[in-house]
Amino acid sequence: MYLIFNRIKVRDEHLNEFLDGVKIHANHSNNESGCVRYEVLQDISDPQMIFLYEVFEDETAFKLHQTHDYYKEWMEKSKLWRHSEERIRHVLDYIYSPEKEYKAK
């Protein structure tokens, strides 16, 4: 599995647009054959802080995800809606997961 955890700070004036668009983007992503799960989360105490939890079968599936037209269009459309200096991206490995389809180390 290839896991990515993104933290994105969205500009207040674009929050509603971002939330509407990221839901569509996540739906497209979840329909990809190599995508296991693509979740969007919002911080309760700071609604402008959005987290993406992305699980792909492998790095190749993730790289394929980045080639889709809807991915490129979403990234271009939303790039000015984000505080780029506050974006943090982590690639992770499972240590433990209760879900059997995930392989823990």
C-alpha atoms as a PDB file:
ATOM      1  CA  MET A   1       0.000   0.000   0.000  1.00  0.00           C
ATOM      2  CA  TYR A   2       1.042   3.584  -0.671  1.00  0.00           C
ATOM      3  CA  LEU A   3      -0.378   6.033   1.867  1.00  0.00           C
ATOM      4  CA  ILE A   4      -0.353   9.804   1.779  1.00  0.00           C
ATOM      5  CA  PHE A   5      -1.531  12.224   4.443  1.00  0.00           C
ATOM      6  CA  ASN A   6      -1.855  15.839   3.317  1.00  0.00           C
ATOM      7  CA  ARG A   7      -2.571  18.859   5.474  1.00  0.00           C
ATOM      8  CA  ILE A   8      -3.857  21.846   3.525  1.00  0.00           C
ATOM      9  CA  LYS A   9      -4.746  25.294   4.830  1.00  0.00           C
ATOM     10  CA  VAL A  10      -7.460  26.783   2.617  1.00  0.00           C
ATOM     11  CA  ARG A  11      -7.906  30.513   2.232  1.00  0.00           C
ATOM     12  CA  ASP A  12     -11.046  31.588   4.079  1.00  0.00           C
ATOM     13  CA  GLU A  13     -12.594  33.335   1.073  1.00  0.00           C
ATOM     14  CA  HIS A  14     -12.353  30.096  -0.965  1.00  0.00           C
ATOM     15  CA  LEU A  15     -13.320  27.550   1.677  1.00  0.00           C
ATOM     16  CA  ASN A  16     -16.788  26.734   0.307  1.00  0.00           C
ATOM     17  CA  GLU A  17     -15.502  26.457  -3.261  1.00  0.00           C
ATOM     18  CA  PHE A  18     -12.672  24.226  -2.094  1.00  0.00           C
ATOM     19  CA  LEU A  19     -14.972  21.947  -0.096  1.00  0.00           C
ATOM     20  CA  ASP A  20     -17.381  21.556  -3.017  1.00  0.00           C
ATOM     21  CA  GLY A  21     -14.547  20.827  -5.437  1.00  0.00           C
ATOM     22  CA  VAL A  22     -12.555  18.473  -3.211  1.00  0.00           C
ATOM     23  CA  LYS A  23     -15.643  16.284  -2.709  1.00  0.00           C
ATOM     24  CA  ILE A  24     -15.937  15.878  -6.486  1.00  0.00           C
ATOM     25  CA  HIS A  25     -12.203  15.228  -6.757  1.00  0.00           C
ATOM     26  CA  ALA A  26     -12.343  12.615  -3.978  1.00  0.00           C
ATOM     27  CA  ASN A  27     -15.275  10.888  -5.674  1.00  0.00           C
ATOM     28  CA  HIS A  28     -13.324  10.658  -8.949  1.00  0.00           C
ATOM     29  CA  SER A  29     -10.272   9.401  -7.069  1.00  0.00           C
ATOM     30  CA  ASN A  30     -12.231   6.723  -5.214  1.00  0.00           C
ATOM     31  CA  ASN A  31     -13.455   5.404  -8.561  1.00  0.00           C
ATOM     32  CA  GLU A  32      -9.913   4.773  -9.828  1.00  0.00           C
ATOM     33  CA  SER A  33      -8.983   1.100  -9.955  1.00  0.00           C
ATOM     34  CA  GLY A  34      -5.723   1.665  -8.022  1.00  0.00           C
ATOM     35  CA  CYS A  35      -7.274   3.815  -5.293  1.00  0.00           C
ATOM     36  CA  VAL A  36      -8.157   1.926  -2.125  1.00  0.00           C
ATOM     37  CA  ARG A  37      -9.498   4.956  -0.256  1.00  0.00           C
ATOM     38  CA  TYR A  38      -9.476   8.731  -0.593  1.00  0.00           C
ATOM     39  CA  GLU A  39     -10.906  10.617   2.361  1.00  0.00           C
ATOM     40  CA  VAL A  40     -11.318  14.322   3.065  1.00  0.00           C
ATOM     41  CA  LEU A  41     -11.400  15.554   6.666  1.00  0.00           C
ATOM     42  CA  GLN A  42     -11.902  19.000   8.180  1.00  0.00           C
ATOM     43  CA  ASP A  43     -10.549  20.260  11.486  1.00  0.00           C
ATOM     44  CA  ILE A  44     -13.422  21.144  13.818  1.00  0.00           C
ATOM     45  CA  SER A  45     -11.524  23.923  15.596  1.00  0.00           C
ATOM     46  CA  ASP A  46     -10.001  25.347  12.391  1.00  0.00           C
ATOM     47  CA  PRO A  47     -12.368  24.719   9.440  1.00  0.00           C
ATOM     48  CA  GLN A  48      -9.804  26.066   6.963  1.00  0.00           C
ATOM     49  CA  MET A  49      -7.519  23.114   7.811  1.00  0.00           C
ATOM     50  CA  ILE A  50      -8.276  20.211   5.486  1.00  0.00           C
ATOM     51  CA  PHE A  51      -6.674  16.776   5.609  1.00  0.00           C
ATOM     52  CA  LEU A  52      -6.536  14.270   2.773  1.00  0.00           C
ATOM     53  CA  TYR A  53      -5.994  10.606   3.580  1.00  0.00           C
ATOM     54  CA  GLU A  54      -5.105   8.783   0.382  1.00  0.00           C
ATOM     55  CA  VAL A  55      -4.457   5.065   0.079  1.00  0.00           C
ATOM     56  CA  PHE A  56      -3.340   3.596  -3.233  1.00  0.00           C
ATOM     57  CA  GLU A  57      -2.382   0.034  -4.082  1.00  0.00           C
ATOM     58  CA  ASP A  58       1.188   1.157  -4.736  1.00  0.00           C
ATOM     59  CA  GLU A  59       3.236   4.160  -5.822  1.00  0.00           C
ATOM     60  CA  THR A  60       2.541   3.381  -9.477  1.00  0.00           C
ATOM     61  CA  ALA A  61      -1.219   3.696  -8.867  1.00  0.00           C
ATOM     62  CA  PHE A  62      -0.624   7.037  -7.146  1.00  0.00           C
ATOM     63  CA  LYS A  63       1.468   8.316 -10.047  1.00  0.00           C
ATOM     64  CA  LEU A  64      -1.262   7.196 -12.462  1.00  0.00           C
ATOM     65  CA  HIS A  65      -3.774   9.125 -10.315  1.00  0.00           C
ATOM     66  CA  GLN A  66      -1.748  12.277 -10.984  1.00  0.00           C
ATOM     67  CA  THR A  67      -2.055  11.842 -14.762  1.00  0.00           C
ATOM     68  CA  HIS A  68      -5.862  11.995 -14.926  1.00  0.00           C
ATOM     69  CA  ASP A  69      -7.377  15.120 -16.443  1.00  0.00           C
ATOM     70  CA  TYR A  70      -9.654  15.733 -13.436  1.00  0.00           C
ATOM     71  CA  TYR A  71      -6.602  15.635 -11.135  1.00  0.00           C
ATOM     72  CA  LYS A  72      -4.736  18.197 -13.244  1.00  0.00           C
ATOM     73  CA  GLU A  73      -7.837  20.406 -13.555  1.00  0.00           C
ATOM     74  CA  TRP A  74      -8.496  20.283  -9.798  1.00  0.00           C
ATOM     75  CA  MET A  75      -4.907  21.112  -8.908  1.00  0.00           C
ATOM     76  CA  GLU A  76      -4.859  24.052 -11.320  1.00  0.00           C
ATOM     77  CA  LYS A  77      -8.286  25.332 -10.238  1.00  0.00           C
ATOM     78  CA  SER A  78      -7.604  25.105  -6.506  1.00  0.00           C
ATOM     79  CA  LYS A  79      -3.934  26.147  -6.312  1.00  0.00           C
ATOM     80  CA  LEU A  80      -4.679  29.779  -5.448  1.00  0.00           C
ATOM     81  CA  TRP A  81      -7.268  28.708  -2.875  1.00  0.00           C
ATOM     82  CA  ARG A  82      -4.570  27.120  -0.710  1.00  0.00           C
ATOM     83  CA  HIS A  83      -1.934  28.645   1.551  1.00  0.00           C
ATOM     84  CA  SER A  84       1.011  26.951  -0.174  1.00  0.00           C
ATOM     85  CA  GLU A  85       3.408  27.728   2.676  1.00  0.00           C
ATOM     86  CA  GLU A  86       1.183  25.760   5.093  1.00  0.00           C
ATOM     87  CA  ARG A  87       0.904  22.553   3.086  1.00  0.00           C
ATOM     88  CA  ILE A  88       2.436  19.446   4.603  1.00  0.00           C
ATOM     89  CA  ARG A  89       2.578  16.075   2.839  1.00  0.00           C
ATOM     90  CA  HIS A  90       3.607  12.783   4.395  1.00  0.00           C
ATOM     91  CA  VAL A  91       4.033   9.388   2.746  1.00  0.00           C
ATOM     92  CA  LEU A  92       3.371   6.703   5.353  1.00  0.00           C
ATOM     93  CA  ASP A  93       3.661   2.973   6.054  1.00  0.00           C
ATOM     94  CA  TYR A  94       1.244   0.945   8.130  1.00  0.00           C
ATOM     95  CA  ILE A  95       2.457  -0.159  11.532  1.00  0.00           C
ATOM     96  CA  TYR A  96      -0.935  -1.503  12.538  1.00  0.00           C
ATOM     97  CA  SER A  97      -4.381  -1.537  10.973  1.00  0.00           C
ATOM     98  CA  PRO A  98      -7.420  -3.508  12.118  1.00  0.00           C
ATOM     99  CA  GLU A  99      -8.537  -3.848   8.511  1.00  0.00           C
ATOM    100  CA  LYS A 100      -7.347  -7.145   7.063  1.00  0.00           C
ATOM    101  CA  GLU A 101      -6.738  -5.853   3.555  1.00  0.00           C
ATOM    102  CA  TYR A 102      -4.009  -3.540   4.822  1.00  0.00           C
ATOM    103  CA  LYS A 103      -0.615  -5.051   5.421  1.00  0.00           C
ATOM    104  CA  ALA A 104       1.082  -3.856   8.587  1.00  0.00           C
ATOM    105  CA  LYS A 105       4.853  -4.096   8.938  1.00  0.00           C
END
